[in-house]
Amino acid sequence: MTLLRSVNNRSCSVLRWQLNGWILLLLLLVAGCDDNALEPLQAGDVIVAFGDSLTAGKGVSESEAYPAVLNRLSGFNVVNAGISGETTEEGLRRLPSVLDEHDPELLILFEGGNDILRSHDLDKTKANLDAMIRLAKERDIQIVMVGLPRKQLFSSTAEFYTELAETHQIPMQADIVATLLRKPSMKSDRVHFNTAGYAALAESISELLDAQGAY
């Protein structure tokens, strides 16, 4: 009987050790699943959509531009800070005053298309975007970036966008612009969207914000 009790005690100890191990593993897995890149937005927080003509909404009315659609989808105040024709060099000069004016909780950085179309030095484009990201981070502003395709037919997103997102550990919507530009039904001209295209862009960004914990 003494031997039997000893065996039972050892078996229970092993079972307890295994159970504790599984509980610890489960807790680690749950913690990992809650590892969102963005902090939840609060009522009254401002989102600044910063970029060029694809943010301004060239080809449609102001109410159909993607920031206005995102405003309706998210329920947050989304400021359209898009300037048609702007390069990243010009955007870098403009960004501080925009952040001063609106004091956003979240910045959607969607710029570089004009640099690419005009064959600018893309190392400089990357450096300008890097400086914009650092500027926002210095102000504790959360950032989401939208990637743009290279200057080739049916191109995928330019590599430097992914490199910046990885370096700064920020969420990026990498594929939506390249995907929409391949669909004539989504465009108002060669490089701009129509109502359906801007709506699809806004929905994609909204889904990213939701998936990353913004709301």
Protein backbone atom coordinates (compact mmCIF):
# COMPACT_ATOMS: atom_id res chain seq x y z
CA MET A 1 0.00 0.00 0.00
CA THR A 2 2.87 2.35 0.82
CA LEU A 3 4.42 1.66 -2.59
CA LEU A 4 1.07 2.26 -4.28
CA ARG A 5 0.61 5.60 -2.52
CA SER A 6 4.14 6.63 -3.55
CA VAL A 7 3.44 5.77 -7.18
CA ASN A 8 0.15 7.68 -7.07
CA ASN A 9 1.82 10.73 -5.54
CA ARG A 10 4.49 10.76 -8.23
CA SER A 11 1.81 10.40 -10.94
CA CYS A 12 -0.15 13.31 -9.50
CA SER A 13 2.97 15.46 -9.37
CA VAL A 14 3.72 14.72 -13.01
CA LEU A 15 0.13 15.50 -13.98
CA ARG A 16 0.20 18.78 -12.06
CA TRP A 17 3.50 19.73 -13.74
CA GLN A 18 2.08 18.94 -17.18
CA LEU A 19 -1.12 20.83 -16.45
CA ASN A 20 0.79 23.88 -15.27
CA GLY A 21 2.86 23.73 -18.44
CA TRP A 22 -0.24 23.66 -20.66
CA ILE A 23 -1.79 26.56 -18.74
CA LEU A 24 1.37 28.63 -19.21
CA LEU A 25 1.45 27.84 -22.94
CA LEU A 26 -2.21 28.82 -23.29
CA LEU A 27 -1.62 32.14 -21.52
CA LEU A 28 1.31 32.92 -23.83
CA LEU A 29 -0.77 32.12 -26.91
CA VAL A 30 -3.64 34.32 -25.72
CA ALA A 31 -1.23 37.19 -25.01
CA GLY A 32 0.24 36.84 -28.48
CA CYS A 33 -3.20 36.99 -30.09
CA ASP A 34 -3.84 40.35 -28.41
CA ASP A 35 -0.67 41.93 -29.76
CA ASN A 36 -2.28 44.76 -31.75
CA ALA A 37 -0.10 47.41 -33.36
CA LEU A 38 -2.51 50.28 -32.62
CA GLU A 39 -4.06 51.61 -29.44
CA PRO A 40 -7.86 51.94 -29.53
CA LEU A 41 -9.13 55.32 -30.65
CA GLN A 42 -11.39 57.21 -28.27
CA ALA A 43 -14.44 59.36 -28.92
CA GLY A 44 -13.34 62.73 -30.26
CA ASP A 45 -9.97 61.51 -31.57
CA VAL A 46 -8.90 62.90 -34.94
CA ILE A 47 -7.48 60.91 -37.86
CA VAL A 48 -5.46 62.86 -40.44
CA ALA A 49 -5.39 61.39 -43.93
CA PHE A 50 -2.20 62.86 -45.37
CA GLY A 51 -1.18 62.51 -48.99
CA ASP A 52 -1.54 63.69 -52.56
CA SER A 53 -4.34 63.49 -55.14
CA LEU A 54 -5.38 59.97 -54.15
CA THR A 55 -6.13 61.36 -50.70
CA ALA A 56 -7.60 64.64 -51.96
CA GLY A 57 -9.96 62.56 -54.13
CA LYS A 58 -9.15 63.69 -57.64
CA GLY A 59 -11.83 62.47 -60.01
CA VAL A 60 -14.73 62.56 -57.54
CA SER A 61 -16.52 64.99 -55.23
CA GLU A 62 -15.14 65.73 -51.78
CA SER A 63 -17.83 63.58 -50.17
CA GLU A 64 -16.69 60.59 -52.25
CA ALA A 65 -12.96 60.90 -51.51
CA TYR A 66 -11.62 58.09 -49.36
CA PRO A 67 -11.21 60.21 -46.15
CA ALA A 68 -14.90 61.15 -46.27
CA VAL A 69 -15.90 57.52 -46.80
CA LEU A 70 -13.58 56.41 -43.98
CA ASN A 71 -15.15 59.06 -41.77
CA ARG A 72 -18.54 57.45 -42.30
CA LEU A 73 -17.24 53.90 -41.89
CA SER A 74 -15.26 54.54 -38.72
CA GLY A 75 -17.38 57.16 -36.97
CA PHE A 76 -14.24 59.21 -36.28
CA ASN A 77 -13.35 62.66 -37.57
CA VAL A 78 -11.12 61.98 -40.59
CA VAL A 79 -9.44 65.14 -41.89
CA ASN A 80 -8.68 65.19 -45.61
CA ALA A 81 -5.16 66.63 -45.77
CA GLY A 82 -4.48 65.64 -49.37
CA ILE A 83 -2.83 68.00 -51.90
CA SER A 84 -2.91 67.02 -55.57
CA GLY A 85 0.49 66.85 -57.21
CA GLU A 86 2.45 66.90 -53.96
CA THR A 87 5.81 65.13 -53.73
CA THR A 88 7.27 63.66 -50.55
CA GLU A 89 9.72 66.55 -50.33
CA GLU A 90 6.81 69.00 -50.33
CA GLY A 91 4.84 66.78 -47.97
CA LEU A 92 7.68 66.68 -45.47
CA ARG A 93 7.70 70.49 -45.37
CA ARG A 94 3.90 70.63 -44.99
CA LEU A 95 3.38 67.89 -42.40
CA PRO A 96 4.41 69.79 -39.24
CA SER A 97 1.83 72.52 -39.79
CA VAL A 98 -0.90 69.93 -40.49
CA LEU A 99 -0.08 68.10 -37.25
CA ASP A 100 0.00 71.40 -35.37
CA GLU A 101 -3.41 72.37 -36.71
CA HIS A 102 -5.28 69.10 -36.16
CA ASP A 103 -3.37 67.36 -33.33
CA PRO A 104 -4.38 63.88 -34.55
CA GLU A 105 -4.28 60.62 -32.65
CA LEU A 106 -3.67 58.73 -35.91
CA LEU A 107 -1.90 59.64 -39.15
CA ILE A 108 -2.60 57.78 -42.40
CA LEU A 109 0.52 58.38 -44.51
CA PHE A 110 -0.27 57.86 -48.20
CA GLU A 111 2.31 59.62 -50.31
CA GLY A 112 5.06 59.00 -52.84
CA GLY A 113 3.04 58.40 -56.00
CA ASN A 114 4.16 61.62 -57.65
CA ASP A 115 7.80 60.84 -56.85
CA ILE A 116 7.39 57.50 -58.58
CA LEU A 117 5.54 58.89 -61.60
CA ARG A 118 8.14 61.64 -62.05
CA SER A 119 11.06 59.21 -61.69
CA HIS A 120 12.49 60.90 -58.62
CA ASP A 121 15.36 59.33 -56.70
CA LEU A 122 13.47 56.73 -54.66
CA ASP A 123 16.17 56.64 -52.00
CA LYS A 124 15.28 60.26 -51.36
CA THR A 125 11.57 59.40 -51.42
CA LYS A 126 12.18 56.72 -48.79
CA ALA A 127 14.21 59.17 -46.69
CA ASN A 128 11.41 61.77 -46.86
CA LEU A 129 8.80 59.22 -45.77
CA ASP A 130 11.11 58.02 -43.01
CA ALA A 131 11.39 61.60 -41.75
CA MET A 132 7.59 61.99 -41.78
CA ILE A 133 7.17 58.80 -39.76
CA ARG A 134 9.78 59.93 -37.24
CA LEU A 135 8.12 63.33 -36.95
CA ALA A 136 4.77 61.73 -36.11
CA LYS A 137 6.36 59.32 -33.65
CA GLU A 138 8.10 62.18 -31.85
CA ARG A 139 4.63 63.58 -31.21
CA ASP A 140 3.26 60.20 -30.06
CA ILE A 141 0.96 60.02 -33.07
CA GLN A 142 0.02 56.55 -34.26
CA ILE A 143 0.78 55.84 -37.92
CA VAL A 144 -0.65 53.68 -40.67
CA MET A 145 0.95 53.71 -44.11
CA VAL A 146 -0.49 52.94 -47.55
CA GLY A 147 1.92 51.55 -50.13
CA LEU A 148 2.05 52.55 -53.79
CA PRO A 149 3.16 50.50 -56.80
CA ARG A 150 6.32 50.87 -58.80
CA LYS A 151 6.33 52.55 -62.21
CA GLN A 152 5.68 49.45 -64.27
CA LEU A 153 2.55 47.99 -65.80
CA PHE A 154 0.72 45.75 -63.32
CA SER A 155 3.40 46.49 -60.74
CA SER A 156 3.32 45.45 -57.10
CA THR A 157 3.99 47.84 -54.22
CA ALA A 158 7.44 49.46 -54.19
CA GLU A 159 9.77 47.65 -51.79
CA PHE A 160 10.75 50.71 -49.78
CA TYR A 161 7.24 50.96 -48.30
CA THR A 162 7.53 47.49 -46.83
CA GLU A 163 11.04 48.25 -45.60
CA LEU A 164 9.81 51.39 -43.81
CA ALA A 165 6.86 49.56 -42.26
CA GLU A 166 9.15 46.84 -40.95
CA THR A 167 11.77 49.26 -39.68
CA HIS A 168 9.25 51.37 -37.76
CA GLN A 169 6.89 48.50 -36.87
CA ILE A 170 3.83 50.27 -38.25
CA PRO A 171 0.78 48.75 -39.97
CA MET A 172 0.67 49.09 -43.75
CA GLN A 173 -2.01 48.47 -46.36
CA ALA A 174 0.36 47.15 -48.99
CA ASP A 175 -1.71 45.87 -51.87
CA ILE A 176 -4.93 47.82 -52.24
CA VAL A 177 -3.67 50.61 -54.53
CA ALA A 178 -1.84 48.25 -56.90
CA THR A 179 -4.91 45.99 -56.98
CA LEU A 180 -7.36 48.79 -57.73
CA LEU A 181 -5.15 50.31 -60.44
CA ARG A 182 -5.38 47.01 -62.36
CA LYS A 183 -9.19 47.36 -62.52
CA PRO A 184 -10.53 49.85 -65.12
CA SER A 185 -13.95 49.69 -63.42
CA MET A 186 -12.39 51.34 -60.33
CA LYS A 187 -10.62 54.24 -62.08
CA SER A 188 -11.57 57.69 -63.31
CA ASP A 189 -8.33 57.98 -65.30
CA ARG A 190 -4.97 56.21 -65.57
CA VAL A 191 -3.85 56.85 -61.98
CA HIS A 192 -6.94 58.02 -60.06
CA PHE A 193 -10.01 56.23 -58.78
CA ASN A 194 -13.71 56.72 -59.29
CA THR A 195 -16.41 56.56 -56.64
CA ALA A 196 -16.24 52.77 -56.40
CA GLY A 197 -12.45 52.80 -56.26
CA TYR A 198 -12.20 55.34 -53.44
CA ALA A 199 -14.91 53.45 -51.53
CA ALA A 200 -12.93 50.21 -51.87
CA LEU A 201 -9.79 52.02 -50.70
CA ALA A 202 -11.58 53.39 -47.63
CA GLU A 203 -13.05 49.99 -46.79
CA SER A 204 -9.62 48.37 -47.02
CA ILE A 205 -8.04 50.95 -44.72
CA SER A 206 -10.95 50.65 -42.29
CA GLU A 207 -10.50 46.88 -42.18
CA LEU A 208 -6.79 47.35 -41.45
CA LEU A 209 -7.52 49.79 -38.61
CA ASP A 210 -10.02 47.36 -37.16
CA ALA A 211 -7.65 44.38 -37.45
CA GLN A 212 -4.81 46.33 -35.81
CA GLY A 213 -6.88 47.39 -32.81
CA ALA A 214 -7.81 51.00 -33.60
CA TYR A 215 -11.51 50.23 -33.13
